[in-house]
């Protein structure tokens, strides 16, 4: 049985169809699946990694983005270590729902690190959200950072998950330091 130095619960949230499941699958399995079925409620994935000499178990909770499943989210948010808010770079509407999503997550998970992630970076020719606009939105909403990824090409996928994992490690270390 594998022993881990740390276990983190990572929330993947944002509107339906923005690419949460594709990104999660690409990270966990290394494979891109073009057409995904709708996520009902939440899907759960495990990824084991070593970062900064620590063995880490990442529990990735991929939320269904459809409005009709939103009532399930508060319970799933509890105990989270961090999150990624995903929006589709080709959809301004998906970015505009950040405040709604953040309200649910902050009320139920607290002040955990959250990255704003622009998905579908391979569709830059169809872009509706400029990186600077997303960065400013992330700062205004006190998010921990910003990235753009492509589950299709793999661009920035590993790096983005490593970034949020490092932020969760830093938060855990800070909490441990204040409690000892």
N, C-alpha and C. Protein backbone atom coordinates (compact mmCIF):
# COMPACT_ATOMS: atom_id res chain seq x y z
N UNK A 1 0.84 -1.18 0.00
CA UNK A 1 0.00 0.00 0.00
C UNK A 1 0.88 1.25 0.00
N UNK A 2 0.54 2.19 -0.85
CA UNK A 2 1.34 3.41 -0.98
C UNK A 2 1.13 4.33 0.22
N UNK A 3 2.23 4.88 0.68
CA UNK A 3 2.18 5.88 1.76
C UNK A 3 2.40 7.25 1.14
N UNK A 4 1.65 8.22 1.61
CA UNK A 4 1.75 9.57 1.07
C UNK A 4 2.13 10.55 2.17
N UNK A 5 2.93 11.55 1.80
CA UNK A 5 3.26 12.61 2.73
C UNK A 5 2.09 13.58 2.87
N UNK A 6 1.33 13.73 1.79
CA UNK A 6 0.20 14.67 1.78
C UNK A 6 -0.91 14.15 0.88
N UNK A 7 -2.13 14.46 1.27
CA UNK A 7 -3.30 14.18 0.43
C UNK A 7 -4.08 15.48 0.30
N UNK A 8 -4.41 15.84 -0.94
CA UNK A 8 -5.14 17.08 -1.19
C UNK A 8 -6.42 16.79 -1.97
N UNK A 9 -7.47 17.49 -1.59
CA UNK A 9 -8.74 17.45 -2.32
C UNK A 9 -8.80 18.70 -3.20
N UNK A 10 -8.81 18.49 -4.52
CA UNK A 10 -8.79 19.58 -5.50
C UNK A 10 -10.13 19.65 -6.22
N UNK A 11 -10.77 20.81 -6.17
CA UNK A 11 -12.06 21.02 -6.83
C UNK A 11 -11.84 21.57 -8.24
N UNK A 12 -12.54 21.00 -9.21
CA UNK A 12 -12.55 21.51 -10.59
C UNK A 12 -13.96 22.04 -10.82
N UNK A 13 -14.11 23.36 -11.01
CA UNK A 13 -15.45 23.91 -11.13
C UNK A 13 -15.52 24.98 -12.21
N UNK A 14 -16.73 25.19 -12.70
CA UNK A 14 -16.99 26.14 -13.78
C UNK A 14 -18.20 25.65 -14.56
N UNK A 15 -18.63 26.44 -15.52
CA UNK A 15 -19.83 26.12 -16.29
C UNK A 15 -19.70 24.80 -17.04
N UNK A 16 -20.85 24.22 -17.40
CA UNK A 16 -20.87 23.01 -18.21
C UNK A 16 -20.24 23.25 -19.57
N UNK A 17 -19.43 22.29 -20.03
CA UNK A 17 -18.86 22.37 -21.37
C UNK A 17 -17.58 23.17 -21.50
N UNK A 18 -17.04 23.69 -20.38
CA UNK A 18 -15.82 24.51 -20.49
C UNK A 18 -14.55 23.67 -20.61
N UNK A 19 -14.62 22.38 -20.26
CA UNK A 19 -13.45 21.52 -20.42
C UNK A 19 -12.90 20.93 -19.13
N UNK A 20 -13.67 20.95 -18.05
CA UNK A 20 -13.19 20.42 -16.76
C UNK A 20 -12.85 18.94 -16.86
N UNK A 21 -13.76 18.16 -17.44
CA UNK A 21 -13.56 16.72 -17.53
C UNK A 21 -12.41 16.40 -18.48
N UNK A 22 -12.34 17.08 -19.62
CA UNK A 22 -11.24 16.85 -20.57
C UNK A 22 -9.90 17.16 -19.93
N UNK A 23 -9.81 18.26 -19.20
CA UNK A 23 -8.56 18.63 -18.53
C UNK A 23 -8.20 17.62 -17.45
N UNK A 24 -9.17 17.23 -16.65
CA UNK A 24 -8.93 16.25 -15.59
C UNK A 24 -8.45 14.93 -16.18
N UNK A 25 -9.15 14.45 -17.21
CA UNK A 25 -8.77 13.18 -17.85
C UNK A 25 -7.37 13.27 -18.46
N UNK A 26 -7.07 14.40 -19.11
CA UNK A 26 -5.75 14.56 -19.73
C UNK A 26 -4.66 14.49 -18.67
N UNK A 27 -4.89 15.13 -17.52
CA UNK A 27 -3.90 15.14 -16.46
C UNK A 27 -3.76 13.76 -15.82
N UNK A 28 -4.87 13.13 -15.51
CA UNK A 28 -4.83 11.85 -14.78
C UNK A 28 -4.36 10.70 -15.67
N UNK A 29 -4.84 10.66 -16.94
CA UNK A 29 -4.54 9.52 -17.81
C UNK A 29 -3.55 9.85 -18.93
N UNK A 30 -3.34 11.14 -19.21
CA UNK A 30 -2.47 11.53 -20.31
C UNK A 30 -3.15 11.47 -21.67
N UNK A 31 -4.45 11.19 -21.68
CA UNK A 31 -5.19 11.02 -22.94
C UNK A 31 -6.25 12.11 -23.07
N UNK A 32 -6.42 12.62 -24.29
CA UNK A 32 -7.50 13.57 -24.57
C UNK A 32 -8.65 12.84 -25.24
N UNK A 33 -9.84 12.98 -24.67
CA UNK A 33 -11.05 12.42 -25.27
C UNK A 33 -11.88 13.59 -25.78
N UNK A 34 -12.12 13.61 -27.10
CA UNK A 34 -12.76 14.77 -27.73
C UNK A 34 -14.19 15.00 -27.26
N UNK A 35 -15.00 13.97 -27.23
CA UNK A 35 -16.40 14.18 -26.81
C UNK A 35 -16.61 13.55 -25.44
N UNK A 36 -16.99 14.37 -24.50
CA UNK A 36 -17.22 13.91 -23.12
C UNK A 36 -18.71 13.86 -22.86
N UNK A 37 -19.10 12.90 -22.04
CA UNK A 37 -20.49 12.88 -21.58
C UNK A 37 -20.65 13.94 -20.51
N UNK A 38 -21.86 14.37 -20.28
CA UNK A 38 -22.14 15.36 -19.25
C UNK A 38 -21.82 14.76 -17.87
N UNK A 39 -21.18 15.54 -17.01
CA UNK A 39 -20.88 15.08 -15.66
C UNK A 39 -22.11 15.34 -14.79
N UNK A 40 -22.63 14.28 -14.20
CA UNK A 40 -23.80 14.39 -13.33
C UNK A 40 -23.29 14.42 -11.89
N UNK A 41 -23.47 15.56 -11.24
CA UNK A 41 -22.99 15.69 -9.86
C UNK A 41 -21.50 15.92 -9.83
N UNK A 42 -20.75 14.85 -9.57
CA UNK A 42 -19.29 14.97 -9.47
C UNK A 42 -18.64 13.66 -9.91
N UNK A 43 -17.50 13.76 -10.59
CA UNK A 43 -16.66 12.61 -10.88
C UNK A 43 -15.41 12.76 -10.03
N UNK A 44 -14.84 11.64 -9.64
CA UNK A 44 -13.75 11.61 -8.69
C UNK A 44 -12.57 10.88 -9.33
N UNK A 45 -11.38 11.48 -9.29
CA UNK A 45 -10.18 10.89 -9.88
C UNK A 45 -9.03 11.01 -8.89
N UNK A 46 -8.08 10.07 -8.98
CA UNK A 46 -6.89 10.09 -8.13
C UNK A 46 -5.65 10.21 -9.01
N UNK A 47 -4.73 11.07 -8.60
CA UNK A 47 -3.44 11.19 -9.27
C UNK A 47 -2.37 11.19 -8.19
N UNK A 48 -1.38 10.32 -8.36
CA UNK A 48 -0.25 10.27 -7.43
C UNK A 48 0.93 10.97 -8.10
N UNK A 49 1.61 11.83 -7.33
CA UNK A 49 2.76 12.53 -7.87
C UNK A 49 3.79 12.79 -6.78
N UNK A 50 4.99 13.11 -7.21
CA UNK A 50 6.05 13.51 -6.30
C UNK A 50 6.46 14.92 -6.67
N UNK A 51 6.44 15.79 -5.67
CA UNK A 51 6.75 17.20 -5.88
C UNK A 51 7.58 17.68 -4.69
N UNK A 52 8.70 18.31 -4.97
CA UNK A 52 9.59 18.80 -3.91
C UNK A 52 9.94 17.69 -2.92
N UNK A 53 10.13 16.48 -3.46
CA UNK A 53 10.51 15.34 -2.64
C UNK A 53 9.39 14.74 -1.80
N UNK A 54 8.18 15.21 -1.97
CA UNK A 54 7.03 14.71 -1.20
C UNK A 54 6.14 13.85 -2.10
N UNK A 55 5.69 12.72 -1.55
CA UNK A 55 4.72 11.88 -2.26
C UNK A 55 3.33 12.42 -1.96
N UNK A 56 2.61 12.75 -3.02
CA UNK A 56 1.32 13.43 -2.87
C UNK A 56 0.23 12.63 -3.56
N UNK A 57 -0.89 12.54 -2.87
CA UNK A 57 -2.10 11.94 -3.45
C UNK A 57 -3.06 13.09 -3.71
N UNK A 58 -3.39 13.28 -4.97
CA UNK A 58 -4.31 14.35 -5.38
C UNK A 58 -5.66 13.72 -5.70
N UNK A 59 -6.67 14.12 -4.93
CA UNK A 59 -8.04 13.68 -5.18
C UNK A 59 -8.71 14.79 -5.98
N UNK A 60 -8.99 14.53 -7.24
CA UNK A 60 -9.55 15.55 -8.13
C UNK A 60 -11.06 15.35 -8.22
N UNK A 61 -11.80 16.36 -7.77
CA UNK A 61 -13.26 16.34 -7.78
C UNK A 61 -13.73 17.21 -8.94
N UNK A 62 -14.23 16.57 -9.97
CA UNK A 62 -14.66 17.23 -11.21
C UNK A 62 -16.17 17.45 -11.13
N UNK A 63 -16.57 18.69 -10.87
CA UNK A 63 -17.99 19.03 -10.70
C UNK A 63 -18.72 19.14 -12.04
N UNK A 64 -19.94 18.65 -12.06
CA UNK A 64 -20.82 18.90 -13.19
C UNK A 64 -21.17 20.38 -13.21
N UNK A 65 -21.03 21.02 -14.36
CA UNK A 65 -21.23 22.47 -14.43
C UNK A 65 -22.65 22.90 -14.72
N UNK A 66 -23.51 21.95 -15.02
CA UNK A 66 -24.89 22.30 -15.35
C UNK A 66 -25.59 22.88 -14.12
N UNK A 67 -26.39 23.88 -14.35
CA UNK A 67 -27.13 24.57 -13.28
C UNK A 67 -27.95 23.60 -12.43
N UNK A 68 -28.54 22.60 -13.06
CA UNK A 68 -29.42 21.67 -12.34
C UNK A 68 -28.69 20.82 -11.30
N UNK A 69 -27.36 20.74 -11.36
CA UNK A 69 -26.60 19.96 -10.38
C UNK A 69 -25.97 20.84 -9.30
N UNK A 70 -26.16 22.13 -9.39
CA UNK A 70 -25.46 23.06 -8.51
C UNK A 70 -25.81 22.86 -7.04
N UNK A 71 -27.01 22.40 -6.75
CA UNK A 71 -27.42 22.19 -5.35
C UNK A 71 -26.56 21.15 -4.64
N UNK A 72 -25.89 20.29 -5.38
CA UNK A 72 -25.04 19.25 -4.80
C UNK A 72 -23.69 19.79 -4.33
N UNK A 73 -23.27 20.91 -4.88
CA UNK A 73 -21.90 21.38 -4.69
C UNK A 73 -21.49 21.72 -3.27
N UNK A 74 -22.34 22.39 -2.47
CA UNK A 74 -21.87 22.76 -1.14
C UNK A 74 -21.29 21.60 -0.34
N UNK A 75 -21.93 20.45 -0.36
CA UNK A 75 -21.41 19.30 0.38
C UNK A 75 -20.09 18.80 -0.19
N UNK A 76 -19.95 18.83 -1.52
CA UNK A 76 -18.72 18.36 -2.15
C UNK A 76 -17.54 19.29 -1.90
N UNK A 77 -17.81 20.56 -1.62
CA UNK A 77 -16.74 21.54 -1.40
C UNK A 77 -16.06 21.39 -0.04
N UNK A 78 -16.78 20.87 0.91
CA UNK A 78 -16.24 20.80 2.28
C UNK A 78 -14.97 19.97 2.33
N UNK A 79 -13.98 20.49 3.04
CA UNK A 79 -12.72 19.77 3.19
C UNK A 79 -11.77 19.93 2.02
N UNK A 80 -12.10 20.79 1.08
CA UNK A 80 -11.22 20.99 -0.08
C UNK A 80 -9.93 21.70 0.33
N UNK A 81 -8.86 21.36 -0.37
CA UNK A 81 -7.55 21.99 -0.16
C UNK A 81 -7.29 23.11 -1.15
N UNK A 82 -7.97 23.06 -2.29
CA UNK A 82 -7.77 24.05 -3.33
C UNK A 82 -8.71 23.80 -4.49
N UNK A 83 -8.60 24.66 -5.51
CA UNK A 83 -9.50 24.50 -6.65
C UNK A 83 -8.99 25.17 -7.90
N UNK A 84 -9.63 24.80 -9.00
CA UNK A 84 -9.41 25.46 -10.28
C UNK A 84 -10.77 25.88 -10.82
N UNK A 85 -10.92 27.19 -11.08
CA UNK A 85 -12.10 27.68 -11.77
C UNK A 85 -11.76 27.68 -13.25
N UNK A 86 -12.49 26.88 -14.03
CA UNK A 86 -12.26 26.82 -15.47
C UNK A 86 -13.30 27.63 -16.22
N UNK A 87 -12.82 28.34 -17.23
CA UNK A 87 -13.70 29.00 -18.19
C UNK A 87 -13.16 28.66 -19.57
N UNK A 88 -13.99 28.82 -20.57
CA UNK A 88 -13.63 28.54 -21.95
C UNK A 88 -13.18 29.86 -22.59
N UNK A 89 -11.97 29.91 -23.14
CA UNK A 89 -11.47 31.17 -23.70
C UNK A 89 -12.30 31.66 -24.88
N UNK A 90 -13.16 30.78 -25.43
CA UNK A 90 -14.02 31.18 -26.55
C UNK A 90 -15.41 31.62 -26.08
N UNK A 91 -15.60 31.72 -24.74
CA UNK A 91 -16.92 32.07 -24.20
C UNK A 91 -16.81 33.08 -23.06
N UNK A 92 -17.18 34.31 -23.34
CA UNK A 92 -17.17 35.35 -22.31
C UNK A 92 -18.16 35.01 -21.20
N UNK A 93 -19.27 34.37 -21.54
CA UNK A 93 -20.29 33.99 -20.56
C UNK A 93 -19.71 33.09 -19.48
N UNK A 94 -18.86 32.13 -19.87
CA UNK A 94 -18.30 31.20 -18.89
C UNK A 94 -17.42 31.91 -17.86
N UNK A 95 -16.76 32.99 -18.26
CA UNK A 95 -15.96 33.79 -17.32
C UNK A 95 -16.87 34.63 -16.42
N UNK A 96 -17.97 35.10 -16.97
CA UNK A 96 -18.86 35.99 -16.20
C UNK A 96 -19.53 35.29 -15.02
N UNK A 97 -19.53 33.96 -15.00
CA UNK A 97 -20.16 33.22 -13.90
C UNK A 97 -19.20 32.94 -12.74
N UNK A 98 -17.98 33.49 -12.80
CA UNK A 98 -16.99 33.27 -11.75
C UNK A 98 -17.54 33.60 -10.36
N UNK A 99 -18.18 34.73 -10.22
CA UNK A 99 -18.65 35.18 -8.90
C UNK A 99 -19.62 34.16 -8.29
N UNK A 100 -20.53 33.63 -9.11
CA UNK A 100 -21.49 32.63 -8.61
C UNK A 100 -20.77 31.39 -8.10
N UNK A 101 -19.82 30.90 -8.89
CA UNK A 101 -19.07 29.71 -8.50
C UNK A 101 -18.23 29.97 -7.25
N UNK A 102 -17.56 31.12 -7.22
CA UNK A 102 -16.70 31.44 -6.08
C UNK A 102 -17.50 31.56 -4.79
N UNK A 103 -18.71 32.07 -4.87
CA UNK A 103 -19.55 32.19 -3.68
C UNK A 103 -19.81 30.81 -3.07
N UNK A 104 -20.15 29.84 -3.91
CA UNK A 104 -20.40 28.48 -3.42
C UNK A 104 -19.13 27.89 -2.81
N UNK A 105 -18.01 28.02 -3.51
CA UNK A 105 -16.76 27.42 -3.05
C UNK A 105 -16.26 28.10 -1.78
N UNK A 106 -16.23 29.43 -1.75
CA UNK A 106 -15.73 30.14 -0.56
C UNK A 106 -16.59 29.88 0.67
N UNK A 107 -17.91 29.82 0.50
CA UNK A 107 -18.80 29.57 1.64
C UNK A 107 -18.60 28.18 2.23
N UNK A 108 -18.19 27.22 1.39
CA UNK A 108 -18.14 25.84 1.84
C UNK A 108 -16.75 25.25 1.97
N UNK A 109 -15.75 25.87 1.34
CA UNK A 109 -14.38 25.37 1.43
C UNK A 109 -13.46 26.36 2.13
N UNK A 110 -13.90 27.61 2.28
CA UNK A 110 -13.07 28.62 2.93
C UNK A 110 -12.09 29.26 1.96
N UNK A 111 -11.05 29.84 2.53
CA UNK A 111 -10.06 30.59 1.74
C UNK A 111 -8.94 29.69 1.24
N UNK A 112 -9.29 28.72 0.43
CA UNK A 112 -8.30 27.82 -0.15
C UNK A 112 -7.74 28.44 -1.43
N UNK A 113 -6.52 28.05 -1.83
CA UNK A 113 -5.97 28.59 -3.08
C UNK A 113 -6.81 28.15 -4.29
N UNK A 114 -7.07 29.09 -5.17
CA UNK A 114 -7.84 28.79 -6.39
C UNK A 114 -7.15 29.45 -7.58
N UNK A 115 -6.93 28.66 -8.62
CA UNK A 115 -6.39 29.18 -9.88
C UNK A 115 -7.52 29.43 -10.86
N UNK A 116 -7.41 30.50 -11.62
CA UNK A 116 -8.31 30.72 -12.74
C UNK A 116 -7.63 30.11 -13.96
N UNK A 117 -8.36 29.23 -14.65
CA UNK A 117 -7.77 28.49 -15.77
C UNK A 117 -8.62 28.67 -17.02
N UNK A 118 -8.01 29.25 -18.04
CA UNK A 118 -8.66 29.39 -19.34
C UNK A 118 -8.42 28.12 -20.14
N UNK A 119 -9.50 27.41 -20.43
CA UNK A 119 -9.41 26.14 -21.16
C UNK A 119 -9.58 26.37 -22.66
N UNK A 120 -9.14 25.37 -23.41
CA UNK A 120 -9.26 25.36 -24.88
C UNK A 120 -8.32 26.37 -25.53
N UNK A 121 -7.10 26.47 -24.98
CA UNK A 121 -6.10 27.40 -25.52
C UNK A 121 -5.75 27.09 -26.98
N UNK A 122 -6.02 25.86 -27.42
CA UNK A 122 -5.77 25.50 -28.81
C UNK A 122 -6.74 26.19 -29.77
N UNK A 123 -7.80 26.80 -29.23
CA UNK A 123 -8.79 27.51 -30.06
C UNK A 123 -8.58 29.03 -30.00
N UNK A 124 -7.32 29.44 -29.93
CA UNK A 124 -6.99 30.87 -29.79
C UNK A 124 -7.58 31.71 -30.92
N UNK A 125 -7.74 31.13 -32.10
CA UNK A 125 -8.32 31.88 -33.23
C UNK A 125 -9.80 32.21 -33.01
N UNK A 126 -10.44 31.54 -32.04
CA UNK A 126 -11.85 31.80 -31.70
C UNK A 126 -11.99 32.54 -30.37
N UNK A 127 -10.87 33.01 -29.85
CA UNK A 127 -10.82 33.63 -28.52
C UNK A 127 -11.81 34.78 -28.36
N UNK A 128 -12.52 34.77 -27.20
CA UNK A 128 -13.41 35.87 -26.82
C UNK A 128 -12.93 36.53 -25.52
N UNK A 129 -12.11 35.80 -24.75
CA UNK A 129 -11.59 36.31 -23.47
C UNK A 129 -10.08 36.51 -23.63
N UNK A 130 -9.63 37.75 -23.52
CA UNK A 130 -8.20 38.06 -23.61
C UNK A 130 -7.53 37.70 -22.28
N UNK A 131 -6.28 37.22 -22.32
CA UNK A 131 -5.60 36.85 -21.08
C UNK A 131 -5.59 37.98 -20.05
N UNK A 132 -5.35 39.22 -20.49
CA UNK A 132 -5.28 40.33 -19.54
C UNK A 132 -6.61 40.53 -18.81
N UNK A 133 -7.71 40.35 -19.52
CA UNK A 133 -9.04 40.47 -18.90
C UNK A 133 -9.23 39.39 -17.83
N UNK A 134 -8.80 38.17 -18.13
CA UNK A 134 -8.92 37.08 -17.17
C UNK A 134 -8.01 37.30 -15.96
N UNK A 135 -6.79 37.79 -16.21
CA UNK A 135 -5.86 38.06 -15.11
C UNK A 135 -6.43 39.13 -14.18
N UNK A 136 -6.98 40.19 -14.76
CA UNK A 136 -7.59 41.25 -13.94
C UNK A 136 -8.79 40.73 -13.15
N UNK A 137 -9.59 39.87 -13.76
CA UNK A 137 -10.74 39.26 -13.08
C UNK A 137 -10.26 38.38 -11.93
N UNK A 138 -9.21 37.61 -12.17
CA UNK A 138 -8.64 36.75 -11.13
C UNK A 138 -8.15 37.58 -9.94
N UNK A 139 -7.43 38.66 -10.24
CA UNK A 139 -6.93 39.54 -9.16
C UNK A 139 -8.07 40.19 -8.40
N UNK A 140 -9.07 40.68 -9.11
CA UNK A 140 -10.21 41.36 -8.47
C UNK A 140 -10.97 40.41 -7.55
N UNK A 141 -10.93 39.12 -7.85
CA UNK A 141 -11.66 38.13 -7.05
C UNK A 141 -10.74 37.36 -6.10
N UNK A 142 -9.51 37.87 -5.93
CA UNK A 142 -8.53 37.32 -4.99
C UNK A 142 -8.21 35.84 -5.25
N UNK A 143 -8.10 35.49 -6.53
CA UNK A 143 -7.67 34.15 -6.88
C UNK A 143 -6.15 34.08 -6.79
N UNK A 144 -5.62 32.87 -6.71
CA UNK A 144 -4.19 32.67 -6.44
C UNK A 144 -3.31 32.72 -7.68
N UNK A 145 -3.91 32.77 -8.86
CA UNK A 145 -3.11 32.80 -10.08
C UNK A 145 -3.96 32.54 -11.30
N UNK A 146 -3.28 32.49 -12.45
CA UNK A 146 -3.95 32.37 -13.74
C UNK A 146 -3.12 31.49 -14.66
N UNK A 147 -3.79 30.70 -15.48
CA UNK A 147 -3.12 29.90 -16.51
C UNK A 147 -4.09 29.68 -17.66
N UNK A 148 -3.53 29.38 -18.83
CA UNK A 148 -4.33 28.90 -19.95
C UNK A 148 -3.80 27.53 -20.32
N UNK A 149 -4.71 26.62 -20.63
CA UNK A 149 -4.34 25.23 -20.93
C UNK A 149 -5.08 24.73 -22.16
N UNK A 150 -4.55 23.65 -22.72
CA UNK A 150 -5.26 22.92 -23.76
C UNK A 150 -5.20 21.44 -23.40
N UNK A 151 -6.35 20.88 -23.08
CA UNK A 151 -6.42 19.43 -22.83
C UNK A 151 -6.12 18.68 -24.12
N UNK A 152 -6.48 19.28 -25.24
CA UNK A 152 -6.30 18.62 -26.54
C UNK A 152 -4.82 18.44 -26.88
N UNK A 153 -4.03 19.51 -26.74
CA UNK A 153 -2.60 19.44 -27.09
C UNK A 153 -1.73 19.08 -25.89
N UNK A 154 -2.28 19.22 -24.68
CA UNK A 154 -1.49 18.98 -23.47
C UNK A 154 -0.77 20.23 -22.98
N UNK A 155 -0.91 21.33 -23.71
CA UNK A 155 -0.22 22.58 -23.37
C UNK A 155 -0.55 23.03 -21.95
N UNK A 156 0.50 23.16 -21.13
CA UNK A 156 0.40 23.75 -19.79
C UNK A 156 -0.36 22.89 -18.77
N UNK A 157 -0.75 21.67 -19.13
CA UNK A 157 -1.58 20.85 -18.24
C UNK A 157 -0.81 20.46 -16.98
N UNK A 158 0.33 19.78 -17.14
CA UNK A 158 1.12 19.34 -15.98
C UNK A 158 1.52 20.54 -15.12
N UNK A 159 2.01 21.58 -15.77
CA UNK A 159 2.49 22.77 -15.05
C UNK A 159 1.38 23.39 -14.20
N UNK A 160 0.16 23.45 -14.74
CA UNK A 160 -0.95 24.07 -14.02
C UNK A 160 -1.33 23.25 -12.79
N UNK A 161 -1.38 21.93 -12.93
CA UNK A 161 -1.68 21.08 -11.77
C UNK A 161 -0.55 21.14 -10.74
N UNK A 162 0.70 21.23 -11.21
CA UNK A 162 1.81 21.38 -10.27
C UNK A 162 1.73 22.71 -9.53
N UNK A 163 1.33 23.77 -10.23
CA UNK A 163 1.19 25.08 -9.60
C UNK A 163 0.17 25.05 -8.48
N UNK A 164 -1.02 24.50 -8.74
CA UNK A 164 -2.05 24.47 -7.68
C UNK A 164 -1.61 23.55 -6.55
N UNK A 165 -0.91 22.47 -6.87
CA UNK A 165 -0.43 21.56 -5.81
C UNK A 165 0.59 22.28 -4.93
N UNK A 166 1.50 23.04 -5.53
CA UNK A 166 2.47 23.81 -4.74
C UNK A 166 1.77 24.84 -3.84
N UNK A 167 0.73 25.49 -4.37
CA UNK A 167 -0.03 26.45 -3.57
C UNK A 167 -0.72 25.77 -2.39
N UNK A 168 -1.24 24.56 -2.60
CA UNK A 168 -1.88 23.82 -1.51
C UNK A 168 -0.84 23.38 -0.48
N UNK A 169 0.36 22.99 -0.96
CA UNK A 169 1.45 22.62 -0.05
C UNK A 169 1.85 23.82 0.81
N UNK A 170 1.96 24.98 0.18
CA UNK A 170 2.34 26.21 0.89
C UNK A 170 1.30 26.57 1.94
N UNK A 171 0.02 26.45 1.60
CA UNK A 171 -1.07 26.75 2.53
C UNK A 171 -1.03 25.78 3.72
N UNK A 172 -0.79 24.50 3.43
CA UNK A 172 -0.70 23.49 4.50
C UNK A 172 0.49 23.79 5.42
N UNK A 173 1.63 24.16 4.84
CA UNK A 173 2.81 24.48 5.64
C UNK A 173 2.56 25.70 6.52
N UNK A 174 1.89 26.71 5.97
CA UNK A 174 1.58 27.92 6.74
C UNK A 174 0.63 27.60 7.90
N UNK A 175 -0.35 26.74 7.63
CA UNK A 175 -1.30 26.37 8.68
C UNK A 175 -0.60 25.56 9.77
N UNK A 176 0.31 24.67 9.36
CA UNK A 176 1.05 23.85 10.33
C UNK A 176 1.95 24.73 11.20
N UNK A 177 2.57 25.74 10.57
CA UNK A 177 3.47 26.64 11.31
C UNK A 177 2.72 27.46 12.35
N UNK A 178 1.50 27.87 12.04
CA UNK A 178 0.74 28.69 12.99
C UNK A 178 0.11 27.85 14.10
N UNK A 179 -0.08 26.56 13.85
CA UNK A 179 -0.71 25.72 14.88
C UNK A 179 0.31 25.07 15.81
N UNK A 180 1.60 25.19 15.49
CA UNK A 180 2.61 24.57 16.37
C UNK A 180 3.30 25.56 17.27
